[in-house]
Protein backbone atom coordinates (compact mmCIF):
# COMPACT_ATOMS: atom_id res chain seq x y z
CA MET A 1 -83.46 -16.52 -37.11
CA PRO A 2 -80.95 -16.56 -39.97
CA GLN A 3 -78.86 -19.67 -40.07
CA GLN A 4 -75.39 -20.29 -41.36
CA ASP A 5 -75.15 -21.25 -45.01
CA SER A 6 -75.30 -25.04 -45.14
CA THR A 7 -72.68 -25.13 -47.88
CA MET A 8 -70.19 -23.16 -45.79
CA ASP A 9 -67.56 -25.34 -44.14
CA LEU A 10 -65.96 -22.72 -41.91
CA ASP A 11 -63.62 -25.14 -40.13
CA SER A 12 -62.11 -26.21 -43.45
CA ILE A 13 -61.67 -22.58 -44.45
CA LEU A 14 -60.00 -21.79 -41.09
CA LEU A 15 -57.66 -24.70 -41.73
CA GLU A 16 -56.70 -23.14 -45.07
CA LEU A 17 -56.21 -19.77 -43.37
CA GLY A 18 -53.98 -21.29 -40.71
CA SER A 19 -55.38 -22.38 -37.35
CA PHE A 20 -53.36 -19.77 -35.49
CA GLY A 21 -51.76 -17.49 -38.07
CA ARG A 22 -50.70 -13.87 -37.91
CA TYR A 23 -54.29 -12.63 -38.19
CA GLN A 24 -55.37 -14.69 -35.17
CA ILE A 25 -52.27 -13.65 -33.22
CA PHE A 26 -52.92 -9.99 -34.06
CA ASN A 27 -56.50 -10.20 -32.75
CA TYR A 28 -55.46 -12.27 -29.75
CA CYS A 29 -53.08 -9.52 -28.67
CA PHE A 30 -56.00 -7.10 -28.61
CA ILE A 31 -58.28 -9.52 -26.77
CA LEU A 32 -55.72 -10.45 -24.11
CA LEU A 33 -55.49 -6.87 -22.86
CA PRO A 34 -59.12 -6.67 -21.63
CA ILE A 35 -58.71 -10.24 -20.30
CA ILE A 36 -55.83 -9.01 -18.13
CA PHE A 37 -57.99 -6.12 -16.94
CA SER A 38 -60.83 -8.54 -16.17
CA ALA A 39 -58.50 -10.21 -13.63
CA VAL A 40 -57.96 -6.77 -12.11
CA TYR A 41 -61.72 -6.15 -11.90
CA ASN A 42 -62.28 -9.57 -10.36
CA GLY A 43 -59.71 -9.28 -7.57
CA GLN A 44 -59.32 -5.59 -6.76
CA TYR A 45 -61.65 -5.77 -3.74
CA ILE A 46 -59.17 -8.10 -2.02
CA PHE A 47 -56.91 -5.08 -1.60
CA THR A 48 -59.36 -2.16 -1.51
CA ALA A 49 -61.49 -3.95 1.10
CA GLY A 50 -58.57 -5.68 2.79
CA SER A 51 -58.35 -6.04 6.56
CA LEU A 52 -56.43 -3.56 8.69
CA ASP A 53 -55.06 -3.73 12.19
CA PHE A 54 -56.95 -1.49 14.61
CA ARG A 55 -57.74 -0.96 18.27
CA CYS A 56 -60.27 0.86 20.41
CA ARG A 57 -59.92 4.61 20.73
CA VAL A 58 -59.59 5.87 24.31
CA PRO A 59 -60.81 9.51 24.23
CA GLU A 60 -59.75 10.07 27.86
CA CYS A 61 -56.11 9.51 26.90
CA GLU A 62 -55.81 10.51 23.23
CA GLY A 63 -58.77 12.70 22.34
CA SER A 64 -61.52 12.05 19.82
CA TYR A 65 -59.35 12.28 16.71
CA GLY A 66 -55.91 11.16 15.62
CA GLY A 67 -53.81 8.75 17.61
CA GLN A 68 -51.26 6.03 16.87
CA LEU A 69 -52.03 2.32 16.59
CA GLN A 70 -49.54 1.54 19.31
CA PRO A 71 -50.83 3.21 22.51
CA GLY A 72 -48.61 5.04 24.93
CA ASN A 73 -47.91 3.95 28.49
CA TRP A 74 -51.56 4.56 29.32
CA GLY A 75 -52.46 1.44 27.29
CA VAL A 76 -51.50 -0.70 30.29
CA TRP A 77 -54.41 0.60 32.39
CA ALA A 78 -56.86 1.70 29.64
CA LEU A 79 -56.94 -1.41 27.41
CA PRO A 80 -57.57 -5.06 28.33
CA GLU A 81 -54.88 -7.71 27.93
CA SER A 82 -56.58 -8.98 24.74
CA GLY A 83 -55.43 -5.80 22.97
CA GLY A 84 -58.66 -3.83 22.95
CA ARG A 85 -59.92 -4.35 19.38
CA CYS A 86 -63.62 -4.29 20.19
CA GLU A 87 -63.74 -3.71 23.95
CA ARG A 88 -61.89 -1.43 26.34
CA LEU A 89 -61.80 -1.10 30.10
CA ARG A 90 -64.74 0.84 31.52
CA PRO A 91 -63.77 4.45 32.35
CA LEU A 92 -64.57 5.82 35.79
CA PRO A 93 -65.74 9.41 36.45
CA PRO A 94 -64.46 11.99 36.25
CA PRO A 95 -62.79 11.58 32.81
CA ALA A 96 -59.03 11.26 33.22
CA CYS A 97 -56.09 9.19 32.03
CA THR A 98 -54.58 7.63 35.15
CA SER A 99 -54.32 4.09 36.45
CA GLU A 100 -57.25 4.83 38.77
CA SER A 101 -59.49 6.12 35.95
CA PHE A 102 -60.45 2.69 34.53
CA HIS A 103 -62.19 -0.32 36.05
CA GLN A 104 -59.68 -3.16 35.68
CA SER A 105 -62.24 -6.00 35.63
CA GLU A 106 -65.08 -4.54 33.55
CA THR A 107 -65.15 -3.72 29.83
CA VAL A 108 -67.42 -1.74 27.52
CA ALA A 109 -67.91 -1.92 23.76
CA CYS A 110 -65.83 0.48 21.73
CA THR A 111 -67.53 3.34 19.90
CA SER A 112 -64.56 4.50 17.80
CA TRP A 113 -61.26 3.05 16.65
CA VAL A 114 -57.70 3.90 15.69
CA TYR A 115 -56.45 2.25 12.47
CA GLU A 116 -52.95 1.53 11.27
CA SER A 117 -53.82 3.41 8.04
CA ASN A 118 -56.71 4.39 5.81
CA ASN A 119 -55.40 2.38 2.84
CA THR A 120 -58.58 0.30 2.64
CA ILE A 121 -62.25 1.02 3.16
CA VAL A 122 -62.03 -0.47 6.66
CA GLY A 123 -60.17 2.61 7.89
CA GLU A 124 -61.80 5.07 5.50
CA PHE A 125 -65.38 4.11 6.38
CA ASP A 126 -64.70 3.20 10.04
CA LEU A 127 -65.62 -0.50 9.82
CA GLY A 128 -63.77 -1.60 12.96
CA CYS A 129 -65.31 -4.67 14.62
CA GLN A 130 -67.72 -5.01 11.68
CA GLU A 131 -65.94 -7.80 9.82
CA TRP A 132 -69.16 -8.85 8.12
CA LYS A 133 -69.28 -5.52 6.30
CA ARG A 134 -65.79 -6.04 4.94
CA THR A 135 -66.45 -9.62 3.77
CA LEU A 136 -69.83 -8.58 2.37
CA VAL A 137 -67.96 -6.71 -0.37
CA GLY A 138 -66.69 -9.99 -1.84
CA THR A 139 -70.12 -11.58 -1.59
CA ILE A 140 -71.78 -8.62 -3.31
CA HIS A 141 -69.13 -8.81 -6.04
CA SER A 142 -69.93 -12.50 -6.58
CA VAL A 143 -73.65 -11.75 -6.71
CA GLY A 144 -72.88 -9.15 -9.38
CA LEU A 145 -70.98 -11.80 -11.35
CA PHE A 146 -74.05 -14.00 -11.11
CA ALA A 147 -76.26 -11.26 -12.54
CA ALA A 148 -73.75 -10.31 -15.24
CA LEU A 149 -73.54 -13.56 -17.14
CA PRO A 150 -77.06 -13.76 -18.65
CA LEU A 151 -76.91 -10.05 -19.49
CA THR A 152 -73.52 -10.31 -21.20
CA SER A 153 -74.36 -13.52 -23.04
CA TYR A 154 -77.58 -11.96 -24.40
CA ILE A 155 -75.66 -8.96 -25.71
CA SER A 156 -72.99 -11.23 -27.18
CA ASP A 157 -75.36 -13.59 -28.97
CA THR A 158 -77.69 -10.79 -30.11
CA PHE A 159 -75.41 -7.86 -30.96
CA GLY A 160 -72.07 -9.57 -31.41
CA ARG A 161 -69.02 -10.73 -29.50
CA ARG A 162 -67.05 -7.56 -30.18
CA THR A 163 -69.89 -5.38 -28.89
CA ALA A 164 -70.02 -7.40 -25.67
CA VAL A 165 -66.25 -7.11 -25.13
CA VAL A 166 -66.21 -3.35 -25.66
CA LEU A 167 -69.31 -2.55 -23.59
CA THR A 168 -68.31 -4.68 -20.60
CA ALA A 169 -64.74 -3.35 -20.55
CA VAL A 170 -65.80 0.30 -20.77
CA CYS A 171 -68.64 -0.09 -18.24
CA ALA A 172 -66.26 -1.69 -15.75
CA GLY A 173 -63.89 1.27 -16.08
CA LEU A 174 -66.72 3.76 -15.59
CA MET A 175 -68.22 1.99 -12.56
CA GLY A 176 -64.80 1.60 -10.95
CA LEU A 177 -63.95 5.27 -11.34
CA ILE A 178 -67.27 6.34 -9.85
CA ARG A 179 -66.74 3.94 -6.94
CA SER A 180 -63.38 5.51 -6.18
CA PHE A 181 -65.23 8.73 -5.21
CA SER A 182 -67.64 6.96 -2.82
CA PRO A 183 -68.23 9.12 0.29
CA ASN A 184 -69.63 6.21 2.30
CA TYR A 185 -69.83 2.43 2.55
CA SER A 186 -73.30 2.13 1.00
CA MET A 187 -72.32 3.86 -2.23
CA TYR A 188 -69.16 1.80 -2.40
CA LEU A 189 -71.20 -1.40 -2.12
CA VAL A 190 -73.69 -0.32 -4.80
CA PHE A 191 -70.98 0.42 -7.34
CA GLU A 192 -69.09 -2.75 -6.44
CA PHE A 193 -72.22 -4.60 -7.51
CA LEU A 194 -72.62 -2.52 -10.68
CA ASP A 195 -68.95 -2.98 -11.52
CA ALA A 196 -69.36 -6.76 -11.40
CA THR A 197 -72.75 -6.80 -13.11
CA LEU A 198 -71.84 -4.56 -16.04
CA GLY A 199 -68.15 -5.32 -16.38
CA SER A 200 -67.35 -8.89 -15.40
CA GLY A 201 -68.52 -10.27 -18.75
CA VAL A 202 -65.22 -9.17 -20.31
CA TYR A 203 -63.66 -12.58 -19.74
CA SER A 204 -66.46 -14.76 -21.12
CA SER A 205 -67.15 -12.54 -24.16
CA GLY A 206 -63.43 -12.20 -24.92
CA PHE A 207 -62.98 -15.95 -24.51
CA ILE A 208 -65.79 -16.73 -26.97
CA LEU A 209 -64.56 -14.17 -29.52
CA ALA A 210 -61.03 -15.55 -29.35
CA LEU A 211 -62.08 -19.21 -29.47
CA GLU A 212 -64.30 -18.77 -32.53
CA MET A 213 -61.47 -17.40 -34.68
CA VAL A 214 -59.02 -20.30 -34.30
CA GLY A 215 -58.96 -23.70 -35.96
CA LEU A 216 -59.87 -27.07 -34.46
CA ASN A 217 -56.33 -28.04 -33.49
CA ARG A 218 -55.56 -24.74 -31.75
CA ARG A 219 -58.61 -24.32 -29.50
CA VAL A 220 -56.82 -25.65 -26.41
CA LEU A 221 -53.72 -23.53 -26.97
CA GLY A 222 -55.81 -20.42 -27.58
CA GLY A 223 -58.00 -21.03 -24.55
CA ASN A 224 -55.09 -21.57 -22.21
CA ILE A 225 -53.24 -18.51 -23.46
CA ILE A 226 -56.28 -16.58 -22.23
CA SER A 227 -56.24 -18.40 -18.88
CA CYS A 228 -52.54 -17.65 -18.38
CA SER A 229 -53.23 -14.01 -19.24
CA PHE A 230 -55.86 -13.92 -16.50
CA ALA A 231 -53.34 -15.28 -14.00
CA LEU A 232 -50.81 -12.65 -15.10
CA GLY A 233 -53.52 -10.03 -14.65
CA GLN A 234 -53.77 -11.03 -10.99
CA VAL A 235 -50.01 -10.60 -10.69
CA VAL A 236 -50.29 -7.13 -12.24
CA LEU A 237 -53.03 -6.28 -9.73
CA ALA A 238 -50.86 -7.28 -6.78
CA LEU A 239 -47.83 -5.39 -8.08
CA VAL A 240 -49.82 -2.18 -8.64
CA ALA A 241 -51.52 -2.53 -5.23
CA TRP A 242 -48.12 -3.06 -3.66
CA GLY A 243 -46.89 0.21 -5.13
CA ILE A 244 -50.15 2.18 -4.58
CA PRO A 245 -51.69 1.01 -1.29
CA TYR A 246 -54.30 3.78 -0.86
CA TRP A 247 -57.56 2.34 -2.21
CA ARG A 248 -58.96 5.45 -3.93
CA THR A 249 -55.79 6.14 -5.91
CA LEU A 250 -55.33 2.44 -6.60
CA THR A 251 -58.87 2.12 -7.98
CA ARG A 252 -58.43 5.09 -10.31
CA VAL A 253 -55.10 3.84 -11.63
CA LEU A 254 -56.53 0.37 -12.24
CA TYR A 255 -59.79 1.41 -13.90
CA ALA A 256 -59.07 4.59 -15.86
CA PRO A 257 -57.28 2.82 -18.78
CA SER A 258 -60.41 0.70 -19.39
CA LEU A 259 -62.19 3.69 -20.91
CA LEU A 260 -59.81 3.43 -23.89
CA PHE A 261 -61.37 0.11 -24.89
CA ILE A 262 -64.08 2.11 -26.67
CA PHE A 263 -61.64 2.31 -29.60
CA TYR A 264 -61.84 -1.47 -30.00
CA PHE A 265 -64.87 -0.87 -32.20
CA PHE A 266 -62.39 0.34 -34.83
CA VAL A 267 -59.54 -2.15 -34.42
CA LEU A 268 -61.17 -5.48 -33.49
CA GLU A 269 -63.06 -7.64 -36.00
CA GLU A 270 -66.33 -9.40 -35.22
CA SER A 271 -66.55 -13.20 -34.91
CA VAL A 272 -66.99 -14.81 -38.33
CA ARG A 273 -69.03 -17.61 -36.80
CA TRP A 274 -71.43 -15.13 -35.21
CA LEU A 275 -71.77 -13.21 -38.48
CA LEU A 276 -72.60 -16.39 -40.39
CA SER A 277 -75.10 -17.47 -37.72
CA LYS A 278 -76.85 -14.12 -38.29
CA GLY A 279 -76.83 -14.47 -42.08
CA LYS A 280 -74.22 -11.71 -42.57
CA LYS A 281 -72.21 -13.64 -45.12
CA LYS A 282 -70.72 -10.66 -46.99
CA GLU A 283 -69.18 -9.23 -43.82
CA ALA A 284 -67.91 -12.67 -42.83
CA ALA A 285 -66.36 -13.17 -46.28
CA ARG A 286 -64.64 -9.78 -46.05
CA ILE A 287 -63.01 -10.73 -42.77
CA ILE A 288 -61.93 -14.14 -44.09
CA PHE A 289 -60.31 -12.62 -47.19
CA LYS A 290 -58.59 -10.07 -44.96
CA ALA A 291 -57.31 -12.86 -42.71
CA ALA A 292 -56.04 -14.81 -45.71
CA ASP A 293 -54.12 -11.75 -46.90
CA ILE A 294 -52.57 -11.13 -43.46
CA ASN A 295 -51.69 -14.81 -43.01
CA ASN A 296 -50.22 -14.86 -46.53
CA LYS A 297 -52.50 -17.77 -47.49
CA LYS A 298 -54.29 -18.45 -50.75
CA LEU A 299 -57.75 -19.89 -50.42
CA SER A 300 -58.78 -22.83 -52.57
CA SER A 301 -61.24 -22.33 -55.40
CA GLU A 302 -63.85 -24.26 -53.38
CA ALA A 303 -63.44 -21.92 -50.41
CA VAL A 304 -63.71 -18.87 -52.66
CA ARG A 305 -66.84 -20.34 -54.25
CA GLN A 306 -68.45 -20.84 -50.84
CA LEU A 307 -67.65 -17.26 -49.87
CA THR A 308 -68.69 -15.52 -53.08
CA GLN A 309 -71.51 -17.53 -54.63
CA GLU A 310 -74.50 -15.30 -55.29
CA LYS A 311 -77.06 -17.88 -56.25
CA GLN A 312 -76.98 -19.51 -52.86
CA ASP A 313 -77.09 -16.11 -51.16
CA GLN A 314 -80.23 -15.19 -53.09
CA LYS A 315 -81.76 -18.53 -52.20
CA ASP A 316 -80.88 -17.93 -48.54
CA SER A 317 -82.48 -14.50 -48.73
CA VAL A 318 -85.73 -15.98 -50.04
CA GLU A 319 -85.66 -18.75 -47.46
CA THR A 320 -84.94 -16.26 -44.68
CA HIS A 321 -87.93 -14.19 -45.80
CA LYS A 322 -90.12 -17.29 -45.71
CA ILE A 323 -88.84 -18.14 -42.28
CA SER A 324 -89.65 -14.66 -40.99
CA GLU A 325 -93.19 -14.95 -42.41
CA ASN A 326 -93.75 -18.24 -40.64
CA GLU A 327 -91.62 -17.50 -37.57
CA GLU A 328 -94.48 -18.12 -35.20
CA LYS A 329 -94.77 -21.68 -36.50
CA LEU A 330 -91.14 -22.49 -35.68
CA PRO A 331 -89.85 -23.20 -32.18
CA SER A 332 -87.63 -20.54 -30.69
CA LEU A 333 -84.02 -21.32 -29.97
CA ALA A 334 -84.81 -21.53 -26.25
CA MET A 335 -87.58 -24.05 -26.92
CA GLN A 336 -85.30 -26.10 -29.14
CA VAL A 337 -82.82 -26.35 -26.28
CA VAL A 338 -85.50 -27.10 -23.67
CA LYS A 339 -87.02 -29.82 -25.82
CA SER A 340 -83.63 -31.38 -26.47
CA LYS A 341 -83.00 -34.00 -23.77
CA ILE A 342 -79.36 -34.20 -24.85
CA LEU A 343 -78.67 -30.45 -24.51
CA MET A 344 -80.62 -30.14 -21.28
CA SER A 345 -78.68 -33.06 -19.80
CA ARG A 346 -75.41 -31.43 -20.83
CA LEU A 347 -76.56 -28.11 -19.41
CA CYS A 348 -77.25 -29.68 -15.99
CA VAL A 349 -73.96 -31.58 -15.94
CA CYS A 350 -71.93 -28.56 -17.07
CA SER A 351 -73.60 -26.38 -14.44
CA PHE A 352 -72.54 -28.79 -11.70
CA TRP A 353 -68.97 -28.75 -13.06
CA TRP A 354 -68.94 -24.97 -12.89
CA ILE A 355 -70.28 -24.89 -9.33
CA THR A 356 -67.60 -27.39 -8.32
CA THR A 357 -64.68 -25.59 -9.97
CA THR A 358 -65.56 -22.13 -8.65
CA PHE A 359 -66.36 -23.47 -5.17
CA ILE A 360 -63.05 -25.32 -4.88
CA TYR A 361 -60.99 -22.66 -6.66
CA TYR A 362 -62.09 -19.83 -4.37
CA GLY A 363 -62.50 -22.07 -1.32
CA LEU A 364 -58.89 -23.23 -1.50
CA SER A 365 -57.70 -19.64 -1.67
CA ILE A 366 -59.59 -18.86 1.53
CA ASN A 367 -58.86 -22.03 3.50
CA SER A 368 -55.35 -22.90 2.34
CA VAL A 369 -52.41 -22.80 4.74
CA SER A 370 -51.37 -19.16 5.07
CA LEU A 371 -48.02 -18.30 3.59
CA ALA A 372 -45.77 -16.29 5.88
CA GLY A 373 -44.44 -12.96 4.68
CA ASN A 374 -45.64 -10.16 2.46
CA SER A 375 -49.35 -10.38 1.60
CA TYR A 376 -48.82 -8.95 -1.89
CA LEU A 377 -46.10 -11.49 -2.62
CA ASN A 378 -48.32 -14.29 -1.31
CA TYR A 379 -51.09 -13.24 -3.70
CA ILE A 380 -48.62 -13.25 -6.59
CA LEU A 381 -47.44 -16.78 -5.72
CA THR A 382 -50.95 -18.18 -5.43
CA SER A 383 -51.76 -16.65 -8.82
CA LEU A 384 -48.66 -18.00 -10.52
CA VAL A 385 -49.31 -21.56 -9.30
CA GLU A 386 -52.30 -21.62 -11.66
CA ILE A 387 -50.11 -21.33 -14.77
CA PRO A 388 -48.66 -24.88 -14.54
CA GLY A 389 -52.27 -26.12 -14.43
CA TYR A 390 -53.07 -24.22 -17.59
CA CYS A 391 -49.93 -25.58 -19.26
CA LEU A 392 -50.99 -29.12 -18.36
CA SER A 393 -54.31 -28.39 -20.00
CA VAL A 394 -52.52 -27.48 -23.24
CA LEU A 395 -50.38 -30.62 -23.08
CA CYS A 396 -53.17 -33.05 -22.19
CA LEU A 397 -56.45 -31.98 -23.81
CA ASP A 398 -55.32 -32.49 -27.41
CA ARG A 399 -53.19 -35.53 -26.61
CA PHE A 400 -55.45 -37.53 -24.29
CA GLY A 401 -58.82 -35.97 -25.07
CA ARG A 402 -61.12 -33.63 -23.16
CA LYS A 403 -62.92 -36.22 -21.04
CA GLY A 404 -59.92 -38.20 -19.83
CA SER A 405 -57.84 -35.12 -19.02
CA ILE A 406 -60.53 -33.24 -17.11
CA MET A 407 -61.68 -36.37 -15.30
CA THR A 408 -58.12 -37.07 -14.14
CA ALA A 409 -57.72 -33.47 -12.94
CA PHE A 410 -60.93 -33.75 -10.89
CA PHE A 411 -59.91 -37.09 -9.37
CA ILE A 412 -56.38 -35.96 -8.42
CA CYS A 413 -57.78 -32.75 -6.95
CA GLY A 414 -60.39 -34.66 -4.97
CA THR A 415 -57.92 -37.24 -3.71
CA SER A 416 -55.39 -34.64 -2.53
CA LEU A 417 -58.05 -32.62 -0.68
CA VAL A 418 -59.69 -35.63 0.97
CA ALA A 419 -56.24 -36.78 2.14
CA LEU A 420 -55.34 -33.34 3.50
CA PRO A 421 -57.17 -33.65 6.87
CA PHE A 422 -55.31 -36.89 7.61
CA ILE A 423 -51.84 -35.31 7.32
CA PRO A 424 -50.19 -34.72 10.76
CA SER A 425 -50.05 -31.04 11.69
CA HIS A 426 -46.26 -31.05 11.97
CA LEU A 427 -45.88 -32.00 8.29
CA VAL A 428 -46.58 -28.47 7.11
CA TRP A 429 -44.64 -28.97 3.87
CA LEU A 430 -46.86 -31.91 2.91
CA GLN A 431 -50.06 -30.02 3.73
CA THR A 432 -48.87 -27.11 1.62
CA SER A 433 -47.91 -29.44 -1.24
CA LEU A 434 -51.32 -31.14 -1.26
CA THR A 435 -53.09 -27.77 -1.17
CA MET A 436 -51.03 -26.49 -4.08
CA LEU A 437 -51.62 -29.73 -6.00
CA GLY A 438 -55.34 -29.30 -5.49
CA LYS A 439 -55.15 -25.67 -6.64
CA LEU A 440 -53.09 -26.67 -9.69
CA CYS A 441 -55.55 -29.42 -10.71
CA ILE A 442 -58.65 -27.31 -10.18
CA SER A 443 -57.04 -24.54 -12.23
CA MET A 444 -56.46 -27.03 -15.04
CA ALA A 445 -60.07 -28.22 -14.76
CA PHE A 446 -61.36 -24.63 -14.67
CA SER A 447 -59.56 -23.69 -17.87
CA SER A 448 -60.48 -26.95 -19.60
CA ILE A 449 -64.16 -26.71 -18.66
CA TYR A 450 -64.35 -23.35 -20.45
CA ILE A 451 -63.12 -24.99 -23.65
CA TYR A 452 -65.10 -28.21 -23.28
CA THR A 453 -68.38 -26.44 -22.47
CA SER A 454 -67.96 -24.18 -25.51
CA GLU A 455 -67.57 -27.24 -27.74
CA LEU A 456 -70.74 -28.94 -26.47
CA PHE A 457 -73.19 -26.20 -27.47
CA PRO A 458 -74.19 -24.66 -30.85
CA THR A 459 -72.95 -21.31 -32.16
CA THR A 460 -76.46 -19.82 -32.15
CA ALA A 461 -76.71 -20.24 -28.37
CA ARG A 462 -73.12 -20.93 -27.31
CA HIS A 463 -72.60 -17.78 -25.25
CA ARG A 464 -76.02 -17.92 -23.65
CA LEU A 465 -75.65 -21.55 -22.58
CA LEU A 466 -72.06 -20.96 -21.50
CA GLY A 467 -73.42 -18.00 -19.54
CA VAL A 468 -76.03 -20.20 -17.84
CA CYS A 469 -73.33 -22.66 -16.75
CA SER A 470 -71.06 -19.88 -15.57
CA MET A 471 -73.99 -18.22 -13.78
CA PHE A 472 -74.62 -21.39 -11.79
CA GLY A 473 -70.89 -21.54 -11.18
CA ARG A 474 -71.13 -18.26 -9.33
CA ILE A 475 -73.09 -20.10 -6.64
CA GLY A 476 -69.78 -21.71 -5.77
CA SER A 477 -67.95 -18.39 -5.55
CA ILE A 478 -70.74 -16.92 -3.40
CA VAL A 479 -70.73 -19.85 -0.96
CA ALA A 480 -66.94 -20.31 -0.84
CA PRO A 481 -66.31 -17.35 1.54
CA GLN A 482 -68.58 -19.02 4.09
CA THR A 483 -66.60 -22.28 4.26
CA PRO A 484 -64.39 -21.09 7.17
CA LEU A 485 -67.55 -21.18 9.30
CA LEU A 486 -67.67 -24.95 8.76
CA MET A 487 -64.34 -25.30 10.53
CA LYS A 488 -66.02 -24.35 13.82
CA TYR A 489 -67.89 -27.65 13.62
CA MET A 490 -65.17 -29.78 12.02
CA ALA A 491 -61.78 -28.47 10.92
CA SER A 492 -61.52 -30.81 7.93
CA LEU A 493 -65.13 -30.46 6.73
CA PRO A 494 -64.47 -27.91 3.93
CA TYR A 495 -61.74 -30.09 2.40
CA LEU A 496 -63.90 -33.20 2.57
CA ILE A 497 -66.70 -31.36 0.78
CA PHE A 498 -64.26 -30.10 -1.84
CA GLY A 499 -62.94 -33.61 -2.41
CA VAL A 500 -66.37 -35.24 -2.71
CA MET A 501 -67.59 -32.61 -5.18
CA ALA A 502 -64.44 -33.00 -7.29
CA GLY A 503 -64.92 -36.77 -7.40
CA ALA A 504 -68.59 -36.43 -8.34
CA SER A 505 -67.71 -34.02 -11.15
CA GLY A 506 -65.15 -36.48 -12.46
CA LEU A 507 -67.77 -39.24 -12.59
CA LEU A 508 -70.23 -36.96 -14.42
CA MET A 509 -67.70 -36.70 -17.25
CA LEU A 510 -68.92 -40.17 -18.29
CA LEU A 511 -72.26 -38.66 -19.37
CA THR A 512 -70.85 -36.31 -22.03
CA PRO A 513 -69.22 -36.98 -25.42
CA GLU A 514 -65.61 -36.51 -26.42
CA THR A 515 -65.13 -33.38 -28.57
CA LEU A 516 -61.48 -33.79 -29.53
CA ARG A 517 -61.06 -32.86 -33.23
CA VAL A 518 -64.81 -32.43 -33.67
CA ARG A 519 -65.90 -29.22 -35.40
CA LEU A 520 -67.76 -26.61 -33.37
CA PRO A 521 -71.50 -27.24 -33.83
CA ASP A 522 -73.44 -24.38 -35.41
CA THR A 523 -76.99 -25.66 -34.85
CA VAL A 524 -78.88 -27.54 -32.15
CA HIS A 525 -79.03 -30.62 -34.37
CA GLN A 526 -75.27 -30.62 -34.93
CA ALA A 527 -74.68 -30.28 -31.20
CA GLU A 528 -76.96 -33.23 -30.49
CA THR A 529 -75.09 -35.45 -32.95
CA ILE A 530 -71.60 -34.84 -31.51
CA ALA A 531 -71.69 -38.16 -29.68
CA SER A 532 -72.52 -40.20 -32.78
CA LYS A 533 -69.94 -38.35 -34.87
CA THR A 534 -67.32 -38.95 -32.22
CA ALA A 535 -68.13 -42.63 -32.17
CA ALA A 536 -67.79 -42.70 -35.95
CA GLY A 537 -64.33 -41.14 -35.79
CA GLY A 538 -65.10 -37.41 -35.90
CA GLU A 539 -65.33 -35.26 -39.00
């Protein structure tokens, strides 16, 4: 595998270019758009597969089709006092709609239902009294996210970050549009899975591409701009769903614009770090000179020498040829990682962090105290509460370091959630405050873990190892929807589990090095030596 030129100090060159100059801002604007759409892809099923109010249909009184959710006067003798969602009073022969036509003490299971609307798949596909089919949509989506990460990371590390961004964004749009024409529940479920599998990698690939183009002292700012954009994408989703409640029309409006991302091949530049890791120095140099021109910066003679020297390039070409001839004698990148106790330890620790953050993040959304009022507005508020967490990440990570900031976020989150079950039920405001504090802190940790994990692994395998961690993290998002079942055994059990996992993740921070102001490692060896370099004062 071609390696980056050892004489190339890309971080120093990025510093000369400007850590976050006009070139980076220009590219960030392009990257943030698919990031916003990735939030739409990730949460659209909440509205398209949302619950609806319904009741049993009573053919004797309203026929086999049509009907209003609120029954007429006949509801008094045809439906039980519970409302008749899944059972109705047993009809007596001959079929009629009178007070004597129904047995008042016996019920039978419903065979058809009347819905308040067909705005979601519950009404469209007649899923009344089959709640598991509705919630299965979210689980299938999470399973698709699990499958997507290794696929996307392979494409990103092999064919480029830009290629991964474009393919995932366009595939998501295509799968979503096809799903909007689903004639039945089964087809809807299949394309929900394909949507997540082929399209959910937009966020991770866009995050890597954006992070690799900024300087050392702007990684946190750049990463949290992306996180805030994701939160705003959730707000956009809720606003559009509020205005277009019918799920087929909503899906088409949300997904159709994604097909235009195919043009990103012509307007978005590839990651310079990825190009150098693949030995494509000329293309990388072209992009750097272009960035210098846009940022109105003049590169030093040393930087120009590193970018244009031919002798070293020829030497690299010869060495690359020798490497290819003896490739079978060299360990593969995967074997280098497996044989590295340091990287394998970090991989295990990071994977546990990701499981914790996704489990708590989605679990809190499901189990938090319900906000009264409009459901769309509630979704907007719970999305916006994440932004202060991301802002804290920007303020703390570069000032107090990665380890201390993330560890504190985990501990505060864990403490607030463990304390939650002990708050008296009448102190609703305090319960809500602790829940929101937990959500804020886990949002900060979530955003920070993305940055910190990226800094712990080498360029040659960064996206693949980040993908492995994120893939394990999806275990948390898959399990989170099941946490309400725990409340049947103990009402506070989910929050106690959340708190313990947050505390454990905070303690695991002690096993990893500080990466503040340490250059992104390009090789396995550089990644292994982060700890010693940090102890020596960084680079």
